[in-house]
């Protein structure tokens, strides 16, 4: 009798379980939802990383890297590598004696601009390299210099690129006096940022 009762409670089929089906619709829903959540998190972190790099390097330098590298992923990886490279360098502030010497040199270069603007721009370009070298930046190649400087001095990076481009044109006889004046202004902006001292402004006023 007991066996008969058990037999009568089977749910279809030979083993009694054929009619039990997993709720595939529910599983697919939760799988899709989990996938969407993962994509949302990835998009959020990518957006936050992009915003952080734009803030760190400035919009102009970020857009330049994006244009040169061709993809956001490669551009942002390159900017991160710049930061790691500069962190590995021994970048140091200027000693008081070096700072005073560079301020005096800048005053002389600026004074020469009146009679020889082309030569003054060339000297200013070299003076900037001397300051960078003294602070610990490698200076052999302009693009590498610019990349290194962009990590700690992003707000004046475009000034440096513009001034250097004018200096190159000047060496080829293709820059006019107004171009050279603009180059000196751009160089001075970076010079002041590298020194970071109010005496630069005082020297500029005196000149």
C-alpha atoms as a PDB file:
ATOM      1  CA  UNK A   1       0.000   0.000   0.000  1.00  0.00           C
ATOM      2  CA  UNK A   2       2.817   2.407   0.847  1.00  0.00           C
ATOM      3  CA  UNK A   3       4.541   1.658  -2.453  1.00  0.00           C
ATOM      4  CA  UNK A   4       1.370   2.297  -4.327  1.00  0.00           C
ATOM      5  CA  UNK A   5       0.958   5.669  -2.624  1.00  0.00           C
ATOM      6  CA  UNK A   6       4.469   6.726  -3.521  1.00  0.00           C
ATOM      7  CA  UNK A   7       3.971   5.621  -7.105  1.00  0.00           C
ATOM      8  CA  UNK A   8       0.802   7.649  -7.394  1.00  0.00           C
ATOM      9  CA  UNK A   9       2.619  10.868  -6.429  1.00  0.00           C
ATOM     10  CA  UNK A  10       5.096  10.825  -9.350  1.00  0.00           C
ATOM     11  CA  UNK A  11       4.948  13.872 -11.618  1.00  0.00           C
ATOM     12  CA  UNK A  12       4.848  12.624 -15.185  1.00  0.00           C
ATOM     13  CA  UNK A  13       7.526  10.648 -17.080  1.00  0.00           C
ATOM     14  CA  UNK A  14       9.379   7.563 -16.004  1.00  0.00           C
ATOM     15  CA  UNK A  15      11.449   9.176 -13.235  1.00  0.00           C
ATOM     16  CA  UNK A  16       8.956  11.700 -11.981  1.00  0.00           C
ATOM     17  CA  UNK A  17      11.126  14.777 -12.679  1.00  0.00           C
ATOM     18  CA  UNK A  18      10.741  15.394 -16.399  1.00  0.00           C
ATOM     19  CA  UNK A  19       8.197  18.143 -15.867  1.00  0.00           C
ATOM     20  CA  UNK A  20      10.521  20.176 -13.596  1.00  0.00           C
ATOM     21  CA  UNK A  21      12.216  22.844 -15.699  1.00  0.00           C
ATOM     22  CA  UNK A  22      14.623  25.603 -14.625  1.00  0.00           C
ATOM     23  CA  UNK A  23      13.348  29.136 -15.030  1.00  0.00           C
ATOM     24  CA  UNK A  24      15.639  30.027 -17.907  1.00  0.00           C
ATOM     25  CA  UNK A  25      13.942  33.354 -18.457  1.00  0.00           C
ATOM     26  CA  UNK A  26      14.824  34.418 -14.913  1.00  0.00           C
ATOM     27  CA  UNK A  27      18.426  33.231 -15.217  1.00  0.00           C
ATOM     28  CA  UNK A  28      18.908  35.111 -18.462  1.00  0.00           C
ATOM     29  CA  UNK A  29      17.469  38.252 -16.917  1.00  0.00           C
ATOM     30  CA  UNK A  30      19.894  38.168 -13.988  1.00  0.00           C
ATOM     31  CA  UNK A  31      22.815  37.310 -16.290  1.00  0.00           C
ATOM     32  CA  UNK A  32      22.034  40.272 -18.540  1.00  0.00           C
ATOM     33  CA  UNK A  33      21.589  42.523 -15.541  1.00  0.00           C
ATOM     34  CA  UNK A  34      24.931  41.454 -14.064  1.00  0.00           C
ATOM     35  CA  UNK A  35      26.656  42.043 -17.419  1.00  0.00           C
ATOM     36  CA  UNK A  36      25.106  45.501 -17.697  1.00  0.00           C
ATOM     37  CA  UNK A  37      26.277  46.350 -14.183  1.00  0.00           C
ATOM     38  CA  UNK A  38      29.830  45.307 -15.034  1.00  0.00           C
ATOM     39  CA  UNK A  39      29.798  47.449 -18.171  1.00  0.00           C
ATOM     40  CA  UNK A  40      28.469  50.399 -16.179  1.00  0.00           C
ATOM     41  CA  UNK A  41      31.248  50.040 -13.603  1.00  0.00           C
ATOM     42  CA  UNK A  42      33.906  49.820 -16.337  1.00  0.00           C
ATOM     43  CA  UNK A  43      32.489  52.895 -18.077  1.00  0.00           C
ATOM     44  CA  UNK A  44      32.394  54.785 -14.776  1.00  0.00           C
ATOM     45  CA  UNK A  45      36.028  54.048 -13.945  1.00  0.00           C
ATOM     46  CA  UNK A  46      37.171  54.866 -17.497  1.00  0.00           C
ATOM     47  CA  UNK A  47      35.372  58.191 -17.356  1.00  0.00           C
ATOM     48  CA  UNK A  48      36.882  58.972 -13.975  1.00  0.00           C
ATOM     49  CA  UNK A  49      40.385  58.060 -15.223  1.00  0.00           C
ATOM     50  CA  UNK A  50      39.926  60.273 -18.279  1.00  0.00           C
ATOM     51  CA  UNK A  51      38.810  63.177 -16.107  1.00  0.00           C
ATOM     52  CA  UNK A  52      41.764  62.717 -13.783  1.00  0.00           C
ATOM     53  CA  UNK A  53      44.276  62.692 -16.650  1.00  0.00           C
ATOM     54  CA  UNK A  54      42.655  65.712 -18.292  1.00  0.00           C
ATOM     55  CA  UNK A  55      42.962  67.586 -15.025  1.00  0.00           C
ATOM     56  CA  UNK A  56      46.550  66.471 -14.462  1.00  0.00           C
ATOM     57  CA  UNK A  57      47.880  67.236 -17.960  1.00  0.00           C
ATOM     58  CA  UNK A  58      45.435  69.887 -19.127  1.00  0.00           C
ATOM     59  CA  UNK A  59      43.013  69.598 -21.998  1.00  0.00           C
ATOM     60  CA  UNK A  60      45.472  70.680 -24.696  1.00  0.00           C
ATOM     61  CA  UNK A  61      48.153  68.130 -23.778  1.00  0.00           C
ATOM     62  CA  UNK A  62      45.582  65.361 -23.288  1.00  0.00           C
ATOM     63  CA  UNK A  63      44.040  66.072 -26.711  1.00  0.00           C
ATOM     64  CA  UNK A  64      47.511  66.138 -28.276  1.00  0.00           C
ATOM     65  CA  UNK A  65      48.298  62.705 -26.843  1.00  0.00           C
ATOM     66  CA  UNK A  66      44.936  61.400 -28.032  1.00  0.00           C
ATOM     67  CA  UNK A  67      45.550  62.696 -31.553  1.00  0.00           C
ATOM     68  CA  UNK A  68      49.087  61.307 -31.740  1.00  0.00           C
ATOM     69  CA  UNK A  69      48.314  57.858 -30.307  1.00  0.00           C
ATOM     70  CA  UNK A  70      45.079  57.348 -32.205  1.00  0.00           C
ATOM     71  CA  UNK A  71      43.054  55.765 -29.396  1.00  0.00           C
ATOM     72  CA  UNK A  72      42.007  56.797 -25.923  1.00  0.00           C
ATOM     73  CA  UNK A  73      43.377  53.627 -24.367  1.00  0.00           C
ATOM     74  CA  UNK A  74      46.859  54.078 -25.854  1.00  0.00           C
ATOM     75  CA  UNK A  75      46.913  57.807 -25.153  1.00  0.00           C
ATOM     76  CA  UNK A  76      45.997  57.360 -21.501  1.00  0.00           C
ATOM     77  CA  UNK A  77      48.505  54.546 -21.105  1.00  0.00           C
ATOM     78  CA  UNK A  78      51.172  56.850 -22.534  1.00  0.00           C
ATOM     79  CA  UNK A  79      50.258  59.650 -20.128  1.00  0.00           C
ATOM     80  CA  UNK A  80      50.440  57.231 -17.226  1.00  0.00           C
ATOM     81  CA  UNK A  81      53.891  56.123 -18.413  1.00  0.00           C
ATOM     82  CA  UNK A  82      55.003  59.771 -18.447  1.00  0.00           C
ATOM     83  CA  UNK A  83      54.027  60.116 -14.803  1.00  0.00           C
ATOM     84  CA  UNK A  84      55.850  56.927 -13.829  1.00  0.00           C
ATOM     85  CA  UNK A  85      58.957  58.024 -15.738  1.00  0.00           C
ATOM     86  CA  UNK A  86      59.107  61.429 -14.038  1.00  0.00           C
ATOM     87  CA  UNK A  87      58.515  59.844 -10.638  1.00  0.00           C
ATOM     88  CA  UNK A  88      61.621  57.741 -11.258  1.00  0.00           C
ATOM     89  CA  UNK A  89      63.754  60.820 -11.975  1.00  0.00           C
ATOM     90  CA  UNK A  90      65.579  62.804  -9.337  1.00  0.00           C
ATOM     91  CA  UNK A  91      63.688  66.066  -9.841  1.00  0.00           C
ATOM     92  CA  UNK A  92      64.796  68.637  -7.280  1.00  0.00           C
ATOM     93  CA  UNK A  93      64.219  72.317  -6.521  1.00  0.00           C
ATOM     94  CA  UNK A  94      66.874  74.827  -7.453  1.00  0.00           C
ATOM     95  CA  UNK A  95      69.458  75.777  -4.866  1.00  0.00           C
ATOM     96  CA  UNK A  96      69.309  79.484  -3.932  1.00  0.00           C
ATOM     97  CA  UNK A  97      72.574  80.184  -5.761  1.00  0.00           C
ATOM     98  CA  UNK A  98      71.377  78.501  -8.948  1.00  0.00           C
ATOM     99  CA  UNK A  99      68.070  80.306  -8.777  1.00  0.00           C
ATOM    100  CA  UNK A 100      69.731  83.699  -8.419  1.00  0.00           C
ATOM    101  CA  UNK A 101      72.101  82.898 -11.295  1.00  0.00           C
ATOM    102  CA  UNK A 102      69.246  81.927 -13.609  1.00  0.00           C
ATOM    103  CA  UNK A 103      67.225  85.016 -12.718  1.00  0.00           C
ATOM    104  CA  UNK A 104      70.215  87.193 -13.595  1.00  0.00           C
ATOM    105  CA  UNK A 105      70.723  85.280 -16.853  1.00  0.00           C
ATOM    106  CA  UNK A 106      67.101  85.774 -17.816  1.00  0.00           C
ATOM    107  CA  UNK A 107      67.364  89.511 -17.199  1.00  0.00           C
ATOM    108  CA  UNK A 108      70.352  89.685 -19.567  1.00  0.00           C
ATOM    109  CA  UNK A 109      68.595  87.639 -22.248  1.00  0.00           C
ATOM    110  CA  UNK A 110      65.498  89.800 -21.998  1.00  0.00           C
ATOM    111  CA  UNK A 111      67.562  92.998 -22.277  1.00  0.00           C
ATOM    112  CA  UNK A 112      69.203  91.695 -25.481  1.00  0.00           C
ATOM    113  CA  UNK A 113      65.847  91.258 -27.166  1.00  0.00           C
ATOM    114  CA  UNK A 114      65.671  94.960 -28.119  1.00  0.00           C
ATOM    115  CA  UNK A 115      68.747  94.871 -30.347  1.00  0.00           C
ATOM    116  CA  UNK A 116      68.785  91.197 -31.274  1.00  0.00           C
ATOM    117  CA  UNK A 117      65.395  89.453 -30.900  1.00  0.00           C
ATOM    118  CA  UNK A 118      66.443  86.332 -32.807  1.00  0.00           C
ATOM    119  CA  UNK A 119      69.525  85.757 -30.718  1.00  0.00           C
ATOM    120  CA  UNK A 120      67.579  86.449 -27.525  1.00  0.00           C
ATOM    121  CA  UNK A 121      65.032  83.757 -28.369  1.00  0.00           C
ATOM    122  CA  UNK A 122      67.805  81.258 -29.083  1.00  0.00           C
ATOM    123  CA  UNK A 123      69.442  82.105 -25.748  1.00  0.00           C
ATOM    124  CA  UNK A 124      66.120  81.842 -23.931  1.00  0.00           C
ATOM    125  CA  UNK A 125      65.574  78.364 -25.364  1.00  0.00           C
ATOM    126  CA  UNK A 126      69.016  77.291 -24.143  1.00  0.00           C
ATOM    127  CA  UNK A 127      68.483  78.900 -20.742  1.00  0.00           C
ATOM    128  CA  UNK A 128      65.300  76.902 -20.254  1.00  0.00           C
ATOM    129  CA  UNK A 129      67.221  73.728 -21.026  1.00  0.00           C
ATOM    130  CA  UNK A 130      69.870  74.696 -18.473  1.00  0.00           C
ATOM    131  CA  UNK A 131      67.208  75.236 -15.818  1.00  0.00           C
ATOM    132  CA  UNK A 132      65.582  71.876 -16.590  1.00  0.00           C
ATOM    133  CA  UNK A 133      68.921  70.077 -16.498  1.00  0.00           C
ATOM    134  CA  UNK A 134      69.829  71.639 -13.168  1.00  0.00           C
ATOM    135  CA  UNK A 135      66.505  70.529 -11.748  1.00  0.00           C
ATOM    136  CA  UNK A 136      67.102  66.952 -12.920  1.00  0.00           C
ATOM    137  CA  UNK A 137      65.145  66.696 -16.174  1.00  0.00           C
ATOM    138  CA  UNK A 138      66.859  64.958 -19.122  1.00  0.00           C
ATOM    139  CA  UNK A 139      67.191  67.493 -21.952  1.00  0.00           C
ATOM    140  CA  UNK A 140      68.585  65.635 -24.958  1.00  0.00           C
ATOM    141  CA  UNK A 141      65.386  65.524 -27.019  1.00  0.00           C
ATOM    142  CA  UNK A 142      62.676  68.196 -27.197  1.00  0.00           C
ATOM    143  CA  UNK A 143      59.694  65.838 -27.335  1.00  0.00           C
ATOM    144  CA  UNK A 144      60.986  63.909 -24.344  1.00  0.00           C
ATOM    145  CA  UNK A 145      61.655  67.185 -22.494  1.00  0.00           C
ATOM    146  CA  UNK A 146      58.136  68.343 -23.259  1.00  0.00           C
ATOM    147  CA  UNK A 147      56.625  65.045 -22.121  1.00  0.00           C
ATOM    148  CA  UNK A 148      58.572  65.133 -18.859  1.00  0.00           C
ATOM    149  CA  UNK A 149      57.778  68.777 -18.161  1.00  0.00           C
ATOM    150  CA  UNK A 150      54.071  68.205 -18.844  1.00  0.00           C
ATOM    151  CA  UNK A 151      53.799  66.002 -15.749  1.00  0.00           C
ATOM    152  CA  UNK A 152      54.716  68.702 -13.227  1.00  0.00           C
ATOM    153  CA  UNK A 153      54.030  71.863 -15.267  1.00  0.00           C
ATOM    154  CA  UNK A 154      50.944  71.108 -17.379  1.00  0.00           C
ATOM    155  CA  UNK A 155      49.499  74.626 -17.383  1.00  0.00           C
ATOM    156  CA  UNK A 156      52.510  76.086 -19.214  1.00  0.00           C
ATOM    157  CA  UNK A 157      53.190  73.142 -21.510  1.00  0.00           C
ATOM    158  CA  UNK A 158      51.493  74.725 -24.517  1.00  0.00           C
ATOM    159  CA  UNK A 159      53.566  77.882 -23.969  1.00  0.00           C
ATOM    160  CA  UNK A 160      56.749  75.833 -24.200  1.00  0.00           C
ATOM    161  CA  UNK A 161      55.690  74.027 -27.361  1.00  0.00           C
ATOM    162  CA  UNK A 162      54.679  77.281 -29.044  1.00  0.00           C
ATOM    163  CA  UNK A 163      57.892  79.076 -28.063  1.00  0.00           C
ATOM    164  CA  UNK A 164      60.079  76.190 -29.226  1.00  0.00           C
ATOM    165  CA  UNK A 165      58.280  76.022 -32.576  1.00  0.00           C
ATOM    166  CA  UNK A 166      58.962  79.730 -33.078  1.00  0.00           C
ATOM    167  CA  UNK A 167      62.620  79.233 -32.118  1.00  0.00           C
ATOM    168  CA  UNK A 168      62.904  76.510 -34.762  1.00  0.00           C
ATOM    169  CA  UNK A 169      61.328  78.781 -37.379  1.00  0.00           C
ATOM    170  CA  UNK A 170      63.687  81.572 -36.334  1.00  0.00           C
ATOM    171  CA  UNK A 171      66.687  79.324 -36.944  1.00  0.00           C
ATOM    172  CA  UNK A 172      65.345  78.856 -40.483  1.00  0.00           C
ATOM    173  CA  UNK A 173      64.772  82.594 -40.984  1.00  0.00           C
ATOM    174  CA  UNK A 174      60.992  82.211 -40.982  1.00  0.00           C
ATOM    175  CA  UNK A 175      59.963  84.122 -37.830  1.00  0.00           C
ATOM    176  CA  UNK A 176      59.184  87.831 -37.694  1.00  0.00           C
ATOM    177  CA  UNK A 177      59.702  90.191 -34.761  1.00  0.00           C
ATOM    178  CA  UNK A 178      56.181  89.714 -33.413  1.00  0.00           C
ATOM    179  CA  UNK A 179      56.652  85.938 -33.489  1.00  0.00           C
ATOM    180  CA  UNK A 180      59.869  86.332 -31.522  1.00  0.00           C
ATOM    181  CA  UNK A 181      58.198  88.595 -28.981  1.00  0.00           C
ATOM    182  CA  UNK A 182      55.514  85.987 -28.427  1.00  0.00           C
ATOM    183  CA  UNK A 183      58.191  83.322 -28.021  1.00  0.00           C
ATOM    184  CA  UNK A 184      59.877  85.348 -25.285  1.00  0.00           C
ATOM    185  CA  UNK A 185      56.566  85.741 -23.464  1.00  0.00           C
ATOM    186  CA  UNK A 186      55.941  81.995 -23.658  1.00  0.00           C
ATOM    187  CA  UNK A 187      59.474  81.156 -22.528  1.00  0.00           C
ATOM    188  CA  UNK A 188      59.152  83.550 -19.606  1.00  0.00           C
ATOM    189  CA  UNK A 189      55.934  81.836 -18.489  1.00  0.00           C
ATOM    190  CA  UNK A 190      57.667  78.452 -18.301  1.00  0.00           C
ATOM    191  CA  UNK A 191      60.800  79.993 -16.782  1.00  0.00           C
ATOM    192  CA  UNK A 192      58.786  81.496 -13.947  1.00  0.00           C
ATOM    193  CA  UNK A 193      56.939  78.223 -13.394  1.00  0.00           C
ATOM    194  CA  UNK A 194      60.181  76.229 -13.224  1.00  0.00           C
ATOM    195  CA  UNK A 195      61.705  78.644 -10.728  1.00  0.00           C
ATOM    196  CA  UNK A 196      58.475  79.275  -8.873  1.00  0.00           C
ATOM    197  CA  UNK A 197      59.840  82.313  -7.071  1.00  0.00           C
ATOM    198  CA  UNK A 198      58.536  85.909  -6.793  1.00  0.00           C
ATOM    199  CA  UNK A 199      61.993  87.337  -7.532  1.00  0.00           C
ATOM    200  CA  UNK A 200      61.464  86.403 -11.184  1.00  0.00           C
ATOM    201  CA  UNK A 201      58.575  88.847 -11.340  1.00  0.00           C
ATOM    202  CA  UNK A 202      60.685  91.518  -9.683  1.00  0.00           C
ATOM    203  CA  UNK A 203      63.480  90.988 -12.231  1.00  0.00           C
ATOM    204  CA  UNK A 204      60.950  91.194 -15.041  1.00  0.00           C
ATOM    205  CA  UNK A 205      59.608  94.506 -13.729  1.00  0.00           C
ATOM    206  CA  UNK A 206      63.128  95.924 -13.383  1.00  0.00           C
ATOM    207  CA  UNK A 207      63.917  94.960 -16.985  1.00  0.00           C
END
